[in-house]
Protein backbone atom coordinates (compact mmCIF):
# COMPACT_ATOMS: atom_id res chain seq x y z
CA UNK A 1 90.04 205.42 73.13
CA UNK A 2 87.66 204.89 70.25
CA UNK A 3 89.50 201.77 69.16
CA UNK A 4 89.44 200.41 72.71
CA UNK A 5 85.68 200.97 72.85
CA UNK A 6 85.30 199.20 69.53
CA UNK A 7 87.33 196.25 70.75
CA UNK A 8 85.29 196.13 73.96
CA UNK A 9 82.02 196.20 72.04
CA UNK A 10 83.28 193.50 69.70
CA UNK A 11 84.20 191.29 72.68
CA UNK A 12 80.80 191.89 74.25
CA UNK A 13 79.07 191.05 70.96
CA UNK A 14 81.03 187.81 70.62
CA UNK A 15 80.26 186.86 74.21
CA UNK A 16 76.54 187.53 73.72
CA UNK A 17 76.59 185.60 70.44
CA UNK A 18 78.28 182.65 72.14
CA UNK A 19 75.71 182.63 74.95
CA UNK A 20 72.84 182.81 72.44
CA UNK A 21 74.31 179.93 70.41
CA UNK A 22 74.74 177.79 73.50
CA UNK A 23 71.16 178.55 74.55
CA UNK A 24 69.90 177.59 71.10
CA UNK A 25 71.91 174.35 71.14
CA UNK A 26 70.52 173.49 74.55
CA UNK A 27 67.00 174.19 73.30
CA UNK A 28 67.59 172.07 70.20
CA UNK A 29 68.92 169.23 72.34
CA UNK A 30 65.82 169.31 74.58
CA UNK A 31 63.56 169.34 71.54
CA UNK A 32 65.40 166.48 69.87
CA UNK A 33 66.91 168.47 67.01
CA UNK A 34 70.45 167.41 67.87
CA UNK A 35 71.35 163.73 67.91
CA UNK A 36 71.44 162.65 71.60
CA UNK A 37 74.71 161.75 73.29
CA UNK A 38 75.21 159.03 75.87
CA UNK A 39 77.30 158.91 79.01
CA UNK A 40 80.05 156.31 79.38
CA UNK A 41 78.10 154.65 82.18
CA UNK A 42 74.96 154.40 80.06
CA UNK A 43 76.96 152.89 77.21
CA UNK A 44 78.47 150.26 79.52
CA UNK A 45 75.03 149.37 80.91
CA UNK A 46 73.61 149.00 77.41
CA UNK A 47 76.51 146.80 76.30
CA UNK A 48 76.21 144.68 79.44
CA UNK A 49 72.48 144.19 78.91
CA UNK A 50 73.05 143.14 75.31
CA UNK A 51 75.79 140.72 76.31
CA UNK A 52 73.68 139.07 79.00
CA UNK A 53 70.78 138.76 76.57
CA UNK A 54 73.00 137.01 74.03
CA UNK A 55 74.59 134.61 76.53
CA UNK A 56 71.32 133.57 78.15
CA UNK A 57 69.43 133.09 74.89
CA UNK A 58 72.19 131.13 73.15
CA UNK A 59 72.94 128.79 76.05
CA UNK A 60 69.25 127.98 76.31
CA UNK A 61 69.29 126.58 72.77
CA UNK A 62 72.89 125.31 72.55
CA UNK A 63 71.96 121.67 71.70
CA UNK A 64 69.80 122.82 68.79
CA UNK A 65 72.54 125.15 67.57
CA UNK A 66 75.06 122.32 67.42
CA UNK A 67 72.60 119.99 65.70
CA UNK A 68 71.83 122.68 63.11
CA UNK A 69 75.50 123.00 62.17
CA UNK A 70 75.96 119.23 61.97
CA UNK A 71 72.92 118.91 59.71
CA UNK A 72 74.18 121.70 57.48
CA UNK A 73 77.55 120.10 56.78
CA UNK A 74 77.04 116.33 57.08
CA UNK A 75 77.80 114.06 54.12
CA UNK A 76 74.50 113.33 52.28
CA UNK A 77 75.76 109.79 51.54
CA UNK A 78 76.56 109.03 55.16
CA UNK A 79 73.60 110.35 57.14
CA UNK A 80 74.05 110.37 60.90
CA UNK A 81 71.59 113.07 61.84
CA UNK A 82 68.09 112.68 60.41
CA UNK A 83 65.82 115.28 61.94
CA UNK A 84 65.66 117.14 65.21
CA UNK A 85 64.59 114.45 67.67
CA UNK A 86 66.70 111.67 66.13
CA UNK A 87 69.72 113.98 65.88
CA UNK A 88 69.53 115.06 69.52
CA UNK A 89 69.10 111.44 70.62
CA UNK A 90 72.11 110.37 68.54
CA UNK A 91 74.32 113.08 70.06
CA UNK A 92 73.13 112.13 73.56
CA UNK A 93 73.78 108.44 72.94
CA UNK A 94 77.23 108.85 71.39
CA UNK A 95 78.59 111.90 73.25
CA UNK A 96 76.40 112.39 76.31
CA UNK A 97 75.36 115.69 77.87
CA UNK A 98 78.70 117.28 77.08
CA UNK A 99 78.13 116.58 73.39
CA UNK A 100 74.91 118.60 73.40
CA UNK A 101 76.82 121.66 74.59
CA UNK A 102 80.01 121.06 72.62
CA UNK A 103 81.46 124.37 71.44
CA UNK A 104 79.00 126.38 73.56
CA UNK A 105 81.77 128.07 75.55
CA UNK A 106 83.34 129.42 72.38
CA UNK A 107 79.88 130.12 71.04
CA UNK A 108 79.06 132.29 74.07
CA UNK A 109 82.46 133.96 73.86
CA UNK A 110 81.40 135.05 70.37
CA UNK A 111 77.70 135.73 70.93
CA UNK A 112 78.09 137.81 74.11
CA UNK A 113 80.20 140.56 72.48
CA UNK A 114 78.22 140.15 69.25
CA UNK A 115 74.92 140.68 71.03
CA UNK A 116 76.30 143.57 73.07
CA UNK A 117 77.58 145.35 69.96
CA UNK A 118 74.44 144.50 67.99
CA UNK A 119 71.93 145.93 70.45
CA UNK A 120 74.07 148.98 71.17
CA UNK A 121 74.70 149.62 67.47
CA UNK A 122 70.99 149.29 66.74
CA UNK A 123 70.12 151.88 69.37
CA UNK A 124 72.72 154.32 68.09
CA UNK A 125 71.86 153.73 64.43
CA UNK A 126 68.15 154.12 65.20
CA UNK A 127 68.68 157.42 66.97
CA UNK A 128 70.97 158.73 64.25
CA UNK A 129 68.56 157.72 61.49
CA UNK A 130 65.61 159.17 63.43
CA UNK A 131 67.44 162.46 63.87
CA UNK A 132 68.23 162.66 60.14
CA UNK A 133 64.66 161.66 59.28
CA UNK A 134 63.24 164.42 61.47
CA UNK A 135 65.65 166.93 59.98
CA UNK A 136 64.67 165.92 56.45
CA UNK A 137 60.92 165.94 57.04
CA UNK A 138 60.91 168.93 59.37
CA UNK A 139 58.61 166.94 61.67
CA UNK A 140 60.01 166.76 65.19
CA UNK A 141 57.37 164.18 66.17
CA UNK A 142 58.22 161.78 63.33
CA UNK A 143 58.99 158.19 64.33
CA UNK A 144 60.94 155.43 62.65
CA UNK A 145 59.15 153.55 59.90
CA UNK A 146 59.54 149.77 59.50
CA UNK A 147 61.88 150.39 56.55
CA UNK A 148 64.10 152.72 58.59
CA UNK A 149 64.18 150.14 61.40
CA UNK A 150 65.23 147.56 58.84
CA UNK A 151 68.12 149.82 57.81
CA UNK A 152 69.18 150.41 61.42
CA UNK A 153 69.04 146.68 62.12
CA UNK A 154 71.08 145.91 59.02
CA UNK A 155 73.77 148.39 60.09
CA UNK A 156 73.85 146.87 63.57
CA UNK A 157 74.09 143.35 62.16
CA UNK A 158 76.97 144.17 59.83
CA UNK A 159 78.92 145.97 62.57
CA UNK A 160 78.41 143.20 65.11
CA UNK A 161 79.10 140.35 62.68
CA UNK A 162 82.25 141.94 61.29
CA UNK A 163 83.61 142.59 64.79
CA UNK A 164 83.14 138.99 65.92
CA UNK A 165 83.42 136.97 62.69
CA UNK A 166 86.77 135.30 63.55
CA UNK A 167 85.19 133.88 66.72
CA UNK A 168 82.39 132.43 64.60
CA UNK A 169 84.98 130.65 62.47
CA UNK A 170 86.64 129.16 65.55
CA UNK A 171 83.24 128.14 66.94
CA UNK A 172 82.41 126.25 63.76
CA UNK A 173 85.70 124.38 63.91
CA UNK A 174 85.24 123.34 67.53
CA UNK A 175 81.65 122.30 66.91
CA UNK A 176 82.29 120.13 63.85
CA UNK A 177 86.02 119.35 64.47
CA UNK A 178 87.77 120.47 61.69
CA UNK A 179 90.32 127.39 60.08
CA UNK A 180 92.19 128.02 57.16
CA UNK A 181 91.23 131.67 56.97
CA UNK A 182 89.36 133.40 59.77
CA UNK A 183 87.32 135.45 57.31
CA UNK A 184 86.40 132.68 54.88
CA UNK A 185 82.68 132.97 54.15
CA UNK A 186 82.56 136.60 55.33
CA UNK A 187 80.75 137.88 52.21
CA UNK A 188 77.70 135.60 52.50
CA UNK A 189 77.66 136.44 56.20
CA UNK A 190 77.46 140.16 55.43
CA UNK A 191 74.77 139.59 52.82
CA UNK A 192 72.86 137.25 55.13
CA UNK A 193 73.05 139.48 58.18
CA UNK A 194 71.25 142.36 56.42
CA UNK A 195 67.88 140.59 56.09
CA UNK A 196 68.37 138.52 59.25
CA UNK A 197 69.23 141.14 61.85
CA UNK A 198 67.43 143.88 59.95
CA UNK A 199 64.17 141.94 59.87
CA UNK A 200 64.60 140.82 63.48
CA UNK A 201 64.66 144.39 64.76
CA UNK A 202 62.17 145.76 62.22
CA UNK A 203 59.54 143.07 62.84
CA UNK A 204 59.99 143.08 66.63
CA UNK A 205 59.82 146.85 67.07
CA UNK A 206 57.06 147.41 64.49
CA UNK A 207 54.93 144.57 65.82
CA UNK A 208 55.39 145.79 69.38
CA UNK A 209 54.47 149.36 68.42
CA UNK A 210 51.39 148.17 66.54
CA UNK A 211 50.18 146.11 69.49
CA UNK A 212 50.69 149.01 71.89
CA UNK A 213 48.78 151.42 69.63
CA UNK A 214 45.88 149.09 68.77
CA UNK A 215 45.81 147.11 72.05
CA UNK A 216 44.03 144.03 70.66
CA UNK A 217 42.62 141.65 73.29
CA UNK A 218 43.79 144.00 76.05
CA UNK A 219 47.45 143.02 75.73
CA UNK A 220 48.77 146.41 76.90
CA UNK A 221 49.47 146.81 80.61
CA UNK A 222 50.57 150.21 81.93
CA UNK A 223 51.39 151.48 78.42
CA UNK A 224 53.59 148.46 77.72
CA UNK A 225 53.30 144.82 76.68
CA UNK A 226 53.63 141.96 79.13
CA UNK A 227 56.57 139.55 78.93
CA UNK A 228 54.57 136.81 77.20
CA UNK A 229 53.49 139.14 74.40
CA UNK A 230 57.04 140.45 73.98
CA UNK A 231 58.27 136.87 73.72
CA UNK A 232 55.71 136.26 70.98
CA UNK A 233 56.88 139.37 69.12
CA UNK A 234 60.49 138.19 69.37
CA UNK A 235 59.55 134.73 68.17
CA UNK A 236 57.77 136.14 65.12
CA UNK A 237 60.74 138.39 64.34
CA UNK A 238 63.21 135.52 64.60
CA UNK A 239 61.14 133.23 62.42
CA UNK A 240 60.86 135.77 59.60
CA UNK A 241 64.53 136.76 59.71
CA UNK A 242 66.05 133.29 59.83
CA UNK A 243 63.78 131.88 57.11
CA UNK A 244 64.85 134.58 54.66
CA UNK A 245 68.56 134.39 55.47
CA UNK A 246 68.98 130.64 56.12
CA UNK A 247 70.41 129.56 52.72
CA UNK A 248 73.21 132.10 53.14
CA UNK A 249 73.97 130.68 56.57
CA UNK A 250 74.35 127.21 55.05
CA UNK A 251 76.72 128.50 52.37
CA UNK A 252 78.72 130.47 54.93
CA UNK A 253 79.16 127.38 57.08
CA UNK A 254 80.27 125.23 54.15
CA UNK A 255 82.78 127.80 52.97
CA UNK A 256 84.21 127.86 56.49
CA UNK A 257 84.51 124.05 56.59
CA UNK A 258 86.59 123.68 53.43
CA UNK A 259 90.17 122.75 54.23
CA UNK A 260 89.63 121.60 57.81
CA UNK A 261 90.58 118.18 59.15
CA UNK A 262 87.92 115.65 58.04
CA UNK A 263 86.16 118.46 56.16
CA UNK A 264 86.34 116.51 52.89
CA UNK A 265 84.19 113.70 54.25
CA UNK A 266 81.81 116.24 55.71
CA UNK A 267 81.12 118.63 52.85
CA UNK A 268 81.99 116.75 49.66
CA UNK A 269 79.01 115.97 47.51
CA UNK A 270 79.83 112.54 46.08
CA UNK A 271 80.66 110.87 49.41
CA UNK A 272 83.46 108.82 47.84
CA UNK A 273 86.52 111.01 47.50
CA UNK A 274 88.60 112.27 50.38
CA UNK A 275 89.65 115.43 48.53
CA UNK A 276 88.03 118.64 49.68
CA UNK A 277 85.28 120.20 47.63
CA UNK A 278 86.86 123.60 46.99
CA UNK A 279 84.76 126.72 46.53
CA UNK A 280 86.06 129.68 44.57
CA UNK A 281 83.46 131.99 46.09
CA UNK A 282 79.92 132.36 47.30
CA UNK A 283 78.27 131.85 43.93
CA UNK A 284 80.40 128.77 43.29
CA UNK A 285 79.43 127.38 46.69
CA UNK A 286 75.75 127.87 45.87
CA UNK A 287 76.17 126.22 42.47
CA UNK A 288 78.07 123.17 43.71
CA UNK A 289 75.80 122.65 46.70
CA UNK A 290 72.66 122.66 44.55
CA UNK A 291 74.31 120.52 41.83
CA UNK A 292 75.56 117.83 44.20
CA UNK A 293 72.70 117.74 46.69
CA UNK A 294 69.75 119.62 45.25
CA UNK A 295 68.03 122.86 46.22
CA UNK A 296 66.85 121.36 49.50
CA UNK A 297 70.44 121.30 50.74
CA UNK A 298 70.24 125.08 51.19
CA UNK A 299 67.67 124.46 53.93
CA UNK A 300 69.39 121.60 55.74
CA UNK A 301 68.87 121.99 59.46
CA UNK A 302 66.08 124.56 59.00
CA UNK A 303 63.66 122.77 61.33
CA UNK A 304 65.97 122.53 64.35
CA UNK A 305 67.13 126.04 63.56
CA UNK A 306 63.52 127.25 63.57
CA UNK A 307 62.93 125.50 66.88
CA UNK A 308 66.09 127.18 68.16
CA UNK A 309 65.46 130.66 66.76
CA UNK A 310 61.92 131.05 68.12
CA UNK A 311 62.94 130.92 71.80
CA UNK A 312 66.43 132.33 71.23
CA UNK A 313 65.44 135.63 69.62
CA UNK A 314 62.45 135.98 71.93
CA UNK A 315 64.59 135.42 75.04
CA UNK A 316 67.27 137.80 73.74
CA UNK A 317 64.90 140.72 73.18
CA UNK A 318 63.05 140.29 76.47
CA UNK A 319 66.22 139.67 78.50
CA UNK A 320 67.78 142.79 77.01
CA UNK A 321 64.83 144.96 77.99
CA UNK A 322 64.55 143.42 81.47
CA UNK A 323 68.27 143.85 82.22
CA UNK A 324 68.15 147.44 80.97
CA UNK A 325 65.20 148.15 83.25
CA UNK A 326 67.04 146.62 86.20
CA UNK A 327 70.15 148.67 85.47
CA UNK A 328 68.08 151.78 84.96
CA UNK A 329 69.34 152.53 81.45
CA UNK A 330 67.62 155.73 80.41
CA UNK A 331 67.74 155.40 76.64
CA UNK A 332 65.56 152.74 75.06
CA UNK A 333 65.39 151.48 71.52
CA UNK A 334 64.03 154.30 69.39
CA UNK A 335 60.28 154.30 68.89
């Protein structure tokens, strides 16, 4: 009898302990101690919003995107595209409207999943980093710093770029006509995506937070910024990110071009030989590009890219937030 009582008491103790633990976990969840979980429906809505944002923003600047790539890889001894306006006019005159959007279908097929994964990954990384940061500091009201946002953005960029890199290779081929290896140029892409995507998110979120807190010129409406101000924040974020990472984008594109049909006449430095200018790696590509064409070659196409990035990033951020609001997605980008 005594042993039965002991067993019964032990069972009761374990049951009480389990209930207490569950109550504590529920309390922790409400107070933000445990990293939040998302429902499948919420995840799908977030991915959809990110995909729409990417498709809309990239299609809006498709002509500038194609011109940027052509400027990056054209033969310096056989200049066809000399600046933004002249380049767009040349494409229109020689290829018509279709030429301005050449490769955009494949581009959207890449950017839609890329954008979906990027925004979703940023949200999840932000929340995970914020949870760890609060655990470390012991401050449940702590918010992400610009540096932590940069880290979350870098993680999101690497995940999204790695998942969709083969599509980027195919896009480049269709745009310029020329893949020998779907992951050629992957390393400079990874290195470039850290400052680019990281700075995009860090600058956008930090600038938005600062404006909401300080409310200069009465920009805040109902505890939030209006669409015009958000577009300006996105434009500033895109400008900073692409300027820092642009040389790596040029090198990535050139490494992708090597070995394609007509690639020799596109990327070779001397403009005379039909043999391809082979690169043994990223550093070699940097060295040969600067040696053959000068340091300025690393910024070929920067102006049309800047004109493209300003509206593209701005539209992407605002479209993402608008679509999420329409869909009623509960979880927003971490503050």
